[in-house]
Amino acid sequence: MFILMIAVFVLGYAMIALEHPLKVNKAATALMLGAIMWLLFVCSKETLLSRTDDNGTLTNQEWVKYLEAHPDANNEEGMINFMIHEQSLLHLGDTSEILFFLLGAMTIVAIIDKYNGFSIITNKIKTKSKVKLLWILGILTFFMSAVLDNLTTTIVMLALLRKLIDDKHTRWIFAGTIVLAANAGGAFSPIGDVTTIMLWVGGQVSTVSIMKMLIFPSLICLIVPLLILSFIQKGEIGRPTVVENNTSLIDVKLQKFCFYWGVGSLICVPIIKSFLHVPPYMAMILMLGIFWVLTSILHRKSSVNHDSKYSVEGILEHIDTPTILFFLGILTAVGALQSAGHLTEMSQFLNEKVGNVYGIGLTIGVLSSIVDNVPLVAGAIGMYPIEAVGAVGDAANFVQDGTFWELLAYTAGTGGSILIIGSAAGVAAMGIEKIDFIWYLKHISWLALLGYAAGALCYWLIRCCIA
């Protein structure tokens, strides 16, 4: 059954990748995959939870921790409680945080877009050169991602793309570049990605050190694809045709308010999270609630107050629900693999067979393009304790701000760009722009892989110079 769960997971991913030939929406496949994975786990609980290594030690670390807290739970009832009341609710909580964060960010961006707020930026971008625009949007996304986070930045920048580029293929190239830039920018900032937040909060890395050590590798990770695309992408972009509708009636002051307050709301999310130590989704729904109230008041006084589609309620009707459901299915499926012990055993396998910190870090990065990087990093944190300052030998790689932790932050953050389903930013782009998995694999994956390798090489050279 252990192997069967892996086979089902691979089959589900293949169906997602072949969404267009199969003509089955990826959200439906992901939801089905998530549910089936947990059903398989429940039906084979005794086999999966009782797996041992060559020394007879239980391999499922979550189950081991549960037994330590509940010594009498090693029976069918205890296993059910562990799976249903412990693990499933735990993953539901983690997944819900991401979904509500995504819903809040998408709603704020949709409000800005509906009131034509992004024209404040698009009107200032005069260039039609594909190469110049690639560099402008790539660098802008990179630094925005470090301040906001890769998911929020991707949603904002994709909204901008629709105002700038008409041709679908060209827009997909730019969307892929935005995914690369957002993940690269999130890797060097302690608040730019979920995995860096985990390492930062856990004490594995410190703010100044991670920014100092990873900003150049992260930049290289983006610059290499941009340089290659500069030779491939020639000519000019075609701007979308502006359709005259009620947007011409929107008051300029209301338009500016929605843009500046909306963007300010997104910027406030990491600030509130850092100072008040609340989950990011809580800060997001707070800012959405405030924005909603203010927009509703101003909407009643505006020239479009008779049009319900400009109300927040009307805007919510057009939020991309399939993308949110796709996230739900994928994260649920990965949660089943984590609870069943697959990810722990994979981490142990890497530790035994690879050994070298660079090899482990690079492998985790590649794996994060297939499996969500959060449980992979969580597994690594659980496997390797933070060594005391002054440790020598291999242990020196695991002190705070040691080679392993910094490399892990880089690889887990940027490796997800290799496949479009490997990061939250990629999944968001896939849902919003309807990017085909196979198309991304042909046009963007190789660029992401080259950037990923170049950034890792840059980090190794920096470490060699320091040593």
Protein backbone atom coordinates (compact mmCIF):
# COMPACT_ATOMS: atom_id res chain seq x y z
CA MET A 1 0.00 0.00 0.00
CA PHE A 2 2.98 2.27 0.61
CA ILE A 3 3.97 1.90 -3.06
CA LEU A 4 0.34 2.15 -4.19
CA MET A 5 -0.03 5.59 -2.61
CA ILE A 6 3.05 6.77 -4.52
CA ALA A 7 1.67 5.30 -7.75
CA VAL A 8 -1.71 7.01 -7.27
CA PHE A 9 0.03 10.31 -6.52
CA VAL A 10 2.12 10.05 -9.70
CA LEU A 11 -0.98 9.11 -11.73
CA GLY A 12 -2.87 12.10 -10.33
CA TYR A 13 -0.01 14.43 -11.20
CA ALA A 14 0.08 12.96 -14.72
CA MET A 15 -3.65 13.68 -15.15
CA ILE A 16 -3.07 17.27 -13.98
CA ALA A 17 -0.21 17.61 -16.45
CA LEU A 18 -2.41 16.25 -19.26
CA GLU A 19 -5.36 18.46 -18.37
CA HIS A 20 -5.86 19.80 -21.90
CA PRO A 21 -5.59 16.49 -23.83
CA LEU A 22 -7.85 14.75 -21.30
CA LYS A 23 -10.24 17.75 -21.15
CA VAL A 24 -10.63 17.25 -17.39
CA ASN A 25 -10.22 20.33 -15.21
CA LYS A 26 -7.13 20.06 -13.01
CA ALA A 27 -9.14 21.20 -9.97
CA ALA A 28 -11.42 18.17 -10.29
CA THR A 29 -8.41 15.85 -10.62
CA ALA A 30 -6.66 17.43 -7.63
CA LEU A 31 -9.73 17.17 -5.40
CA MET A 32 -10.20 13.52 -6.34
CA LEU A 33 -6.48 12.83 -5.79
CA GLY A 34 -6.51 14.43 -2.32
CA ALA A 35 -9.51 12.41 -1.18
CA ILE A 36 -8.24 9.10 -2.61
CA MET A 37 -4.84 9.53 -0.97
CA TRP A 38 -6.44 9.87 2.47
CA LEU A 39 -8.82 6.96 1.81
CA LEU A 40 -5.84 4.73 0.95
CA PHE A 41 -4.08 5.90 4.11
CA VAL A 42 -7.10 5.10 6.28
CA CYS A 43 -7.69 1.71 4.68
CA SER A 44 -4.08 0.62 5.22
CA LYS A 45 -3.37 2.35 8.53
CA GLU A 46 -1.95 -0.72 10.29
CA THR A 47 0.53 -1.43 7.49
CA LEU A 48 1.67 2.15 6.99
CA LEU A 49 1.96 3.13 10.64
CA SER A 50 3.78 -0.08 11.56
CA ARG A 51 6.55 0.28 8.96
CA THR A 52 10.03 -0.13 10.45
CA ASP A 53 13.58 0.28 9.23
CA ASP A 54 16.32 -2.35 9.29
CA ASN A 55 16.81 -1.76 13.02
CA GLY A 56 13.14 -2.35 13.81
CA THR A 57 12.48 1.35 14.52
CA LEU A 58 9.20 2.89 13.39
CA THR A 59 9.79 5.11 10.35
CA ASN A 60 6.73 7.36 10.68
CA GLN A 61 8.02 10.11 12.96
CA GLU A 62 4.61 11.75 13.40
CA TRP A 63 3.20 8.44 14.64
CA VAL A 64 6.19 7.99 16.97
CA LYS A 65 5.57 11.44 18.50
CA TYR A 66 1.89 10.63 18.93
CA LEU A 67 2.69 7.34 20.70
CA GLU A 68 5.08 9.14 23.04
CA ALA A 69 2.24 11.46 24.05
CA HIS A 70 -0.37 8.67 24.06
CA PRO A 71 1.34 5.39 25.14
CA ASP A 72 -1.92 3.40 24.97
CA ALA A 73 -2.77 4.48 21.43
CA ASN A 74 -1.09 1.61 19.58
CA ASN A 75 -4.39 0.05 18.52
CA GLU A 76 -7.06 0.58 15.88
CA GLU A 77 -8.88 3.28 17.82
CA GLY A 78 -5.64 5.12 18.51
CA MET A 79 -4.64 4.94 14.84
CA ILE A 80 -7.99 6.37 13.77
CA ASN A 81 -7.69 9.18 16.30
CA PHE A 82 -4.17 9.89 15.05
CA MET A 83 -5.26 10.08 11.41
CA ILE A 84 -8.62 11.80 11.73
CA HIS A 85 -8.40 13.96 14.84
CA GLU A 86 -4.68 14.68 14.77
CA GLN A 87 -3.23 14.63 11.26
CA SER A 88 -6.21 15.42 9.03
CA LEU A 89 -7.25 18.39 11.17
CA LEU A 90 -3.64 19.56 11.36
CA HIS A 91 -3.31 19.53 7.57
CA LEU A 92 -6.76 21.07 7.16
CA GLY A 93 -5.63 23.95 9.37
CA ASP A 94 -2.40 24.46 7.42
CA THR A 95 -4.22 24.19 4.09
CA SER A 96 -6.97 26.56 5.18
CA GLU A 97 -4.41 29.19 6.12
CA ILE A 98 -3.05 29.11 2.57
CA LEU A 99 -6.50 29.05 0.96
CA PHE A 100 -7.86 31.98 2.98
CA PHE A 101 -4.65 33.91 2.37
CA LEU A 102 -5.02 33.23 -1.37
CA LEU A 103 -8.71 34.17 -1.34
CA GLY A 104 -7.99 37.44 0.48
CA ALA A 105 -5.13 38.40 -1.85
CA MET A 106 -7.13 37.53 -4.97
CA THR A 107 -10.08 39.60 -3.74
CA ILE A 108 -7.96 42.67 -2.99
CA VAL A 109 -6.29 42.41 -6.40
CA ALA A 110 -9.70 41.94 -8.07
CA ILE A 111 -11.04 45.11 -6.39
CA ILE A 112 -8.03 47.11 -7.58
CA ASP A 113 -8.45 45.68 -11.07
CA LYS A 114 -12.18 46.34 -11.21
CA TYR A 115 -11.67 50.01 -10.42
CA ASN A 116 -8.94 50.13 -13.08
CA GLY A 117 -6.30 50.87 -10.44
CA PHE A 118 -3.50 49.04 -12.21
CA SER A 119 -3.64 51.61 -15.02
CA ILE A 120 -1.67 53.86 -12.67
CA ILE A 121 1.30 51.53 -13.27
CA THR A 122 0.57 50.36 -16.82
CA ASN A 123 0.21 53.93 -18.05
CA LYS A 124 3.77 54.61 -16.86
CA ILE A 125 5.18 51.60 -18.71
CA LYS A 126 5.57 53.02 -22.20
CA THR A 127 7.96 50.48 -23.70
CA LYS A 128 6.60 47.85 -26.07
CA SER A 129 9.91 46.04 -26.38
CA LYS A 130 9.59 42.46 -25.16
CA VAL A 131 13.14 42.39 -23.82
CA LYS A 132 12.87 45.65 -21.90
CA LEU A 133 9.51 44.68 -20.44
CA LEU A 134 10.86 41.27 -19.39
CA TRP A 135 13.63 42.92 -17.38
CA ILE A 136 11.35 45.59 -15.90
CA LEU A 137 8.71 43.11 -14.73
CA GLY A 138 11.28 40.50 -13.67
CA ILE A 139 13.27 42.84 -11.43
CA LEU A 140 10.10 44.49 -10.09
CA THR A 141 8.64 41.08 -9.22
CA PHE A 142 11.90 39.97 -7.59
CA PHE A 143 12.02 42.81 -5.08
CA MET A 144 8.24 42.94 -4.53
CA SER A 145 8.34 39.24 -3.60
CA ALA A 146 10.95 39.91 -0.93
CA VAL A 147 8.69 42.54 0.68
CA LEU A 148 5.30 40.88 0.20
CA ASP A 149 5.67 37.16 -0.58
CA ASN A 150 5.89 35.13 -3.75
CA LEU A 151 2.19 34.20 -3.90
CA THR A 152 0.79 37.71 -3.38
CA THR A 153 3.34 39.23 -5.76
CA THR A 154 2.48 36.72 -8.48
CA ILE A 155 -1.24 37.50 -8.22
CA VAL A 156 -0.56 41.25 -8.46
CA MET A 157 1.86 40.96 -11.38
CA LEU A 158 -0.42 38.62 -13.35
CA ALA A 159 -3.16 41.23 -13.05
CA LEU A 160 -0.72 43.77 -14.51
CA LEU A 161 0.19 41.43 -17.38
CA ARG A 162 -3.39 41.28 -18.58
CA LYS A 163 -3.33 45.04 -18.96
CA LEU A 164 -0.02 45.02 -20.83
CA ILE A 165 0.04 42.00 -23.17
CA ASP A 166 -2.69 40.76 -25.50
CA ASP A 167 -1.12 37.68 -27.14
CA LYS A 168 -1.64 34.57 -24.99
CA HIS A 169 1.65 32.84 -25.81
CA THR A 170 3.68 35.97 -25.08
CA ARG A 171 1.74 36.56 -21.88
CA TRP A 172 2.44 32.98 -20.76
CA ILE A 173 6.19 33.54 -21.34
CA PHE A 174 6.01 36.63 -19.14
CA ALA A 175 3.87 34.80 -16.57
CA GLY A 176 6.48 32.03 -16.39
CA THR A 177 9.16 34.66 -15.87
CA ILE A 178 7.11 36.19 -13.07
CA VAL A 179 6.93 32.78 -11.35
CA LEU A 180 10.74 32.47 -11.58
CA ALA A 181 11.24 36.01 -10.29
CA ALA A 182 8.73 35.68 -7.45
CA ASN A 183 10.26 32.44 -6.17
CA ALA A 184 13.80 33.79 -6.49
CA GLY A 185 12.89 37.00 -4.66
CA GLY A 186 11.16 35.09 -1.90
CA ALA A 187 14.16 32.84 -1.27
CA PHE A 188 16.55 35.49 0.07
CA SER A 189 14.02 37.27 2.29
CA PRO A 190 12.96 35.85 5.67
CA ILE A 191 9.34 36.80 4.90
CA GLY A 192 9.33 36.11 1.16
CA ASP A 193 8.38 32.43 1.20
CA VAL A 194 6.73 29.98 3.58
CA THR A 195 9.90 27.89 3.80
CA THR A 196 12.16 30.84 4.63
CA ILE A 197 9.62 31.92 7.25
CA MET A 198 9.82 28.42 8.77
CA LEU A 199 13.62 28.52 8.90
CA TRP A 200 13.61 32.08 10.23
CA VAL A 201 11.05 31.40 12.97
CA GLY A 202 12.78 28.13 13.85
CA GLY A 203 16.11 29.88 14.39
CA GLN A 204 17.97 28.06 11.61
CA VAL A 205 18.71 31.35 9.83
CA SER A 206 18.88 34.99 10.91
CA THR A 207 17.57 37.99 8.96
CA VAL A 208 20.80 39.78 8.06
CA SER A 209 22.78 36.65 7.26
CA ILE A 210 20.25 35.03 4.94
CA MET A 211 19.74 38.27 3.00
CA LYS A 212 23.49 38.83 2.71
CA MET A 213 24.28 35.27 1.65
CA LEU A 214 21.37 34.58 -0.70
CA ILE A 215 20.60 37.85 -2.47
CA PHE A 216 23.26 37.29 -5.15
CA PRO A 217 22.47 33.59 -5.76
CA SER A 218 18.77 34.50 -5.96
CA LEU A 219 19.50 37.31 -8.42
CA ILE A 220 21.62 34.96 -10.54
CA CYS A 221 18.74 32.47 -10.49
CA LEU A 222 16.60 35.14 -12.18
CA ILE A 223 19.19 36.89 -14.35
CA VAL A 224 20.29 33.72 -16.18
CA PRO A 225 16.77 33.00 -17.55
CA LEU A 226 16.30 36.70 -18.35
CA LEU A 227 19.54 36.78 -20.34
CA ILE A 228 18.53 33.70 -22.32
CA LEU A 229 15.05 35.09 -23.00
CA SER A 230 16.61 38.35 -24.15
CA PHE A 231 18.06 36.48 -27.13
CA ILE A 232 14.86 34.53 -27.79
CA GLN A 233 12.15 37.14 -27.34
CA LYS A 234 12.37 39.67 -30.15
CA GLY A 235 10.02 42.37 -31.33
CA GLU A 236 7.30 44.25 -29.56
CA ILE A 237 4.28 43.31 -27.48
CA GLY A 238 0.72 43.98 -28.52
CA ARG A 239 -1.31 45.91 -25.96
CA PRO A 240 -4.88 44.73 -25.25
CA THR A 241 -7.63 46.72 -26.91
CA VAL A 242 -9.27 49.03 -24.40
CA VAL A 243 -13.01 48.47 -24.40
CA GLU A 244 -15.02 51.51 -23.49
CA ASN A 245 -17.38 50.65 -20.67
CA ASN A 246 -18.31 51.94 -17.24
CA THR A 247 -14.65 52.14 -16.23
CA SER A 248 -14.60 55.54 -17.92
CA LEU A 249 -17.13 56.67 -15.32
CA ILE A 250 -14.95 55.71 -12.36
CA ASP A 251 -13.84 58.72 -10.38
CA VAL A 252 -10.07 59.24 -10.58
CA LYS A 253 -9.86 59.72 -6.83
CA LEU A 254 -11.66 56.40 -6.25
CA GLN A 255 -9.35 54.71 -8.73
CA LYS A 256 -6.26 56.03 -6.95
CA PHE A 257 -7.71 55.15 -3.54
CA CYS A 258 -8.32 51.54 -4.56
CA PHE A 259 -4.83 51.18 -5.97
CA TYR A 260 -2.85 52.76 -3.16
CA TRP A 261 -4.99 51.41 -0.34
CA GLY A 262 -5.12 47.94 -1.91
CA VAL A 263 -1.37 47.70 -2.47
CA GLY A 264 -0.81 49.21 0.98
CA SER A 265 -3.06 46.52 2.45
CA LEU A 266 -0.94 43.79 0.87
CA ILE A 267 2.27 45.41 2.15
CA CYS A 268 0.79 45.61 5.66
CA VAL A 269 0.27 41.83 5.80
CA PRO A 270 3.95 40.84 6.40
CA ILE A 271 4.38 43.86 8.70
CA ILE A 272 1.44 42.83 10.88
CA LYS A 273 2.66 39.23 10.83
CA SER A 274 6.17 40.22 11.92
CA PHE A 275 5.21 42.59 14.72
CA LEU A 276 2.08 40.90 16.10
CA HIS A 277 3.15 37.30 15.35
CA VAL A 278 -0.26 36.37 13.92
CA PRO A 279 -0.62 33.94 10.98
CA PRO A 280 -0.36 35.65 7.58
CA TYR A 281 -3.93 34.72 6.63
CA MET A 282 -5.27 36.54 9.69
CA ALA A 283 -3.48 39.73 8.69
CA MET A 284 -4.77 39.28 5.14
CA ILE A 285 -8.43 38.91 6.10
CA LEU A 286 -8.11 41.88 8.46
CA MET A 287 -6.84 44.10 5.65
CA LEU A 288 -9.47 42.71 3.27
CA GLY A 289 -12.23 43.48 5.79
CA ILE A 290 -11.04 47.08 6.21
CA PHE A 291 -10.66 47.51 2.45
CA TRP A 292 -14.13 46.03 1.89
CA VAL A 293 -15.79 48.43 4.36
CA LEU A 294 -14.05 51.52 2.94
CA THR A 295 -14.71 50.51 -0.66
CA SER A 296 -18.40 49.88 0.09
CA ILE A 297 -18.76 53.35 1.61
CA LEU A 298 -17.00 55.04 -1.30
CA HIS A 299 -18.89 52.93 -3.86
CA ARG A 300 -22.21 54.36 -2.66
CA LYS A 301 -20.93 57.88 -3.33
CA SER A 302 -19.30 57.14 -6.68
CA SER A 303 -20.59 57.58 -10.22
CA VAL A 304 -20.99 53.79 -10.61
CA ASN A 305 -22.97 53.23 -7.42
CA HIS A 306 -25.91 51.95 -9.45
CA ASP A 307 -23.81 49.11 -10.91
CA SER A 308 -23.63 46.11 -8.55
CA LYS A 309 -20.66 44.59 -10.40
CA TYR A 310 -18.49 47.33 -8.88
CA SER A 311 -19.48 46.35 -5.35
CA VAL A 312 -17.20 43.94 -3.50
CA GLU A 313 -20.05 41.44 -3.39
CA GLY A 314 -20.28 41.57 -7.19
CA ILE A 315 -16.52 41.26 -7.55
CA LEU A 316 -16.47 38.18 -5.30
CA GLU A 317 -18.78 36.37 -7.72
CA HIS A 318 -15.96 36.35 -10.28
CA ILE A 319 -13.12 35.16 -8.04
CA ASP A 320 -11.29 32.18 -9.58
CA THR A 321 -12.73 29.43 -7.37
CA PRO A 322 -11.23 26.50 -9.37
CA THR A 323 -7.72 27.73 -8.53
CA ILE A 324 -8.55 27.71 -4.82
CA LEU A 325 -10.03 24.21 -5.10
CA PHE A 326 -6.93 23.09 -6.99
CA PHE A 327 -4.79 24.24 -4.08
CA LEU A 328 -7.07 22.36 -1.69
CA GLY A 329 -6.71 19.09 -3.58
CA ILE A 330 -2.95 19.26 -4.09
CA LEU A 331 -2.17 20.24 -0.50
CA THR A 332 -4.51 17.54 0.81
CA ALA A 333 -2.74 14.89 -1.28
CA VAL A 334 0.71 16.02 -0.11
CA GLY A 335 -0.57 16.05 3.48
CA ALA A 336 -1.51 12.39 3.13
CA LEU A 337 2.03 11.55 1.97
CA GLN A 338 3.47 13.41 4.93
CA SER A 339 1.20 11.76 7.50
CA ALA A 340 1.71 8.31 6.00
CA GLY A 341 5.48 8.70 6.39
CA HIS A 342 6.53 8.93 2.74
CA LEU A 343 8.29 12.28 3.07
CA THR A 344 10.11 11.27 6.25
CA GLU A 345 11.45 8.14 4.62
CA MET A 346 12.50 10.17 1.60
CA SER A 347 14.45 12.55 3.86
CA GLN A 348 16.12 9.63 5.59
CA PHE A 349 16.99 8.08 2.24
CA LEU A 350 18.66 11.31 1.12
CA ASN A 351 20.59 11.49 4.36
CA GLU A 352 21.89 7.94 3.99
CA LYS A 353 22.53 7.80 0.25
CA VAL A 354 23.63 11.36 -0.53
CA GLY A 355 25.18 12.56 2.70
CA ASN A 356 26.85 15.71 1.33
CA VAL A 357 25.01 18.90 2.39
CA TYR A 358 25.15 20.33 -1.13
CA GLY A 359 23.81 17.11 -2.61
CA ILE A 360 20.96 16.93 -0.09
CA GLY A 361 20.09 20.60 -0.54
CA LEU A 362 20.07 20.46 -4.34
CA THR A 363 18.05 17.23 -4.35
CA ILE A 364 15.44 18.72 -2.00
CA GLY A 365 15.16 21.68 -4.36
CA VAL A 366 14.46 19.45 -7.35
CA LEU A 367 12.00 17.37 -5.33
CA SER A 368 10.19 20.55 -4.28
CA SER A 369 9.15 20.98 -7.91
CA ILE A 370 7.11 17.78 -7.52
CA VAL A 371 6.17 17.71 -3.84
CA ASP A 372 5.26 20.81 -1.84
CA ASN A 373 8.40 22.38 -0.37
CA VAL A 374 6.82 23.03 3.04
CA PRO A 375 6.70 19.38 4.23
CA LEU A 376 10.13 18.76 2.69
CA VAL A 377 11.66 21.60 4.69
CA ALA A 378 9.70 20.56 7.77
CA GLY A 379 11.16 17.07 7.40
CA ALA A 380 14.69 18.45 7.09
CA ILE A 381 14.19 20.63 10.17
CA GLY A 382 13.01 17.60 12.09
CA MET A 383 15.95 15.47 10.97
CA TYR A 384 18.76 17.90 11.65
CA PRO A 385 19.05 19.78 14.96
CA ILE A 386 20.70 23.21 15.13
CA GLU A 387 24.26 22.64 16.25
CA ALA A 388 25.98 24.86 18.82
CA VAL A 389 28.20 27.70 17.62
CA GLY A 390 31.77 26.48 17.31
CA ALA A 391 30.86 23.02 16.06
CA VAL A 392 33.49 21.46 13.81
CA GLY A 393 33.45 19.05 10.90
CA ASP A 394 30.13 18.23 9.25
CA ALA A 395 28.29 19.58 12.30
CA ALA A 396 29.49 23.09 11.40
CA ASN A 397 27.13 23.02 8.42
CA PHE A 398 24.15 22.83 10.78
CA VAL A 399 24.83 25.74 13.13
CA GLN A 400 22.58 28.79 12.84
CA ASP A 401 23.23 30.38 9.42
CA GLY A 402 25.22 27.29 8.48
CA THR A 403 25.68 26.11 4.91
CA PHE A 404 22.90 23.53 5.02
CA TRP A 405 20.18 25.90 6.27
CA GLU A 406 21.03 28.70 3.85
CA LEU A 407 21.28 26.30 0.92
CA LEU A 408 17.97 24.74 1.96
CA ALA A 409 16.31 28.17 1.96
CA TYR A 410 17.59 28.81 -1.55
CA THR A 411 16.89 25.41 -3.11
CA ALA A 412 13.45 24.89 -1.53
CA GLY A 413 12.43 28.41 -2.54
CA THR A 414 13.66 28.37 -6.14
CA GLY A 415 13.49 24.66 -7.02
CA GLY A 416 9.70 24.81 -7.15
CA SER A 417 9.96 26.93 -10.31
CA ILE A 418 11.18 23.92 -12.31
CA LEU A 419 7.61 22.65 -12.64
CA ILE A 420 4.57 24.91 -12.60
CA ILE A 421 2.91 22.84 -9.86
CA GLY A 422 6.03 23.01 -7.68
CA SER A 423 5.28 26.32 -5.95
CA ALA A 424 2.34 28.38 -4.76
CA ALA A 425 3.29 31.07 -7.28
CA GLY A 426 3.28 28.52 -10.10
CA VAL A 427 -0.05 27.02 -9.12
CA ALA A 428 -1.56 30.51 -8.92
CA ALA A 429 -0.23 31.33 -12.40
CA MET A 430 -1.52 28.02 -13.72
CA GLY A 431 -4.98 28.76 -12.38
CA ILE A 432 -5.24 32.45 -13.25
CA GLU A 433 -3.66 32.30 -16.71
CA LYS A 434 -4.80 28.73 -17.50
CA ILE A 435 -1.22 27.79 -18.36
CA ASP A 436 -0.84 24.23 -19.61
CA PHE A 437 1.56 21.99 -17.63
CA ILE A 438 3.19 20.61 -20.78
CA TRP A 439 3.60 24.09 -22.26
CA TYR A 440 5.40 25.27 -19.11
CA LEU A 441 7.58 22.15 -19.17
CA LYS A 442 8.67 22.89 -22.75
CA HIS A 443 9.18 26.64 -22.50
CA ILE A 444 10.00 27.55 -18.89
CA SER A 445 11.25 24.49 -16.97
CA TRP A 446 14.66 24.37 -18.66
CA LEU A 447 15.17 28.06 -17.97
CA ALA A 448 14.24 27.55 -14.34
CA LEU A 449 16.63 24.59 -14.06
CA LEU A 450 19.54 26.59 -15.52
CA GLY A 451 18.84 29.51 -13.21
CA TYR A 452 18.53 27.16 -10.25
CA ALA A 453 21.89 25.53 -10.98
CA ALA A 454 23.61 28.89 -11.64
CA GLY A 455 22.34 30.33 -8.34
CA ALA A 456 23.51 27.25 -6.43
CA LEU A 457 26.95 27.56 -8.05
CA CYS A 458 27.04 31.22 -7.05
CA TYR A 459 26.26 30.29 -3.43
CA TRP A 460 29.02 27.64 -3.45
CA LEU A 461 31.55 30.19 -4.76
CA ILE A 462 30.53 32.68 -2.06
CA ARG A 463 31.00 29.99 0.61
CA CYS A 464 34.40 29.08 -0.84
CA CYS A 465 35.51 32.72 -0.71
CA ILE A 466 34.37 33.04 2.90
CA ALA A 467 36.19 29.85 3.87
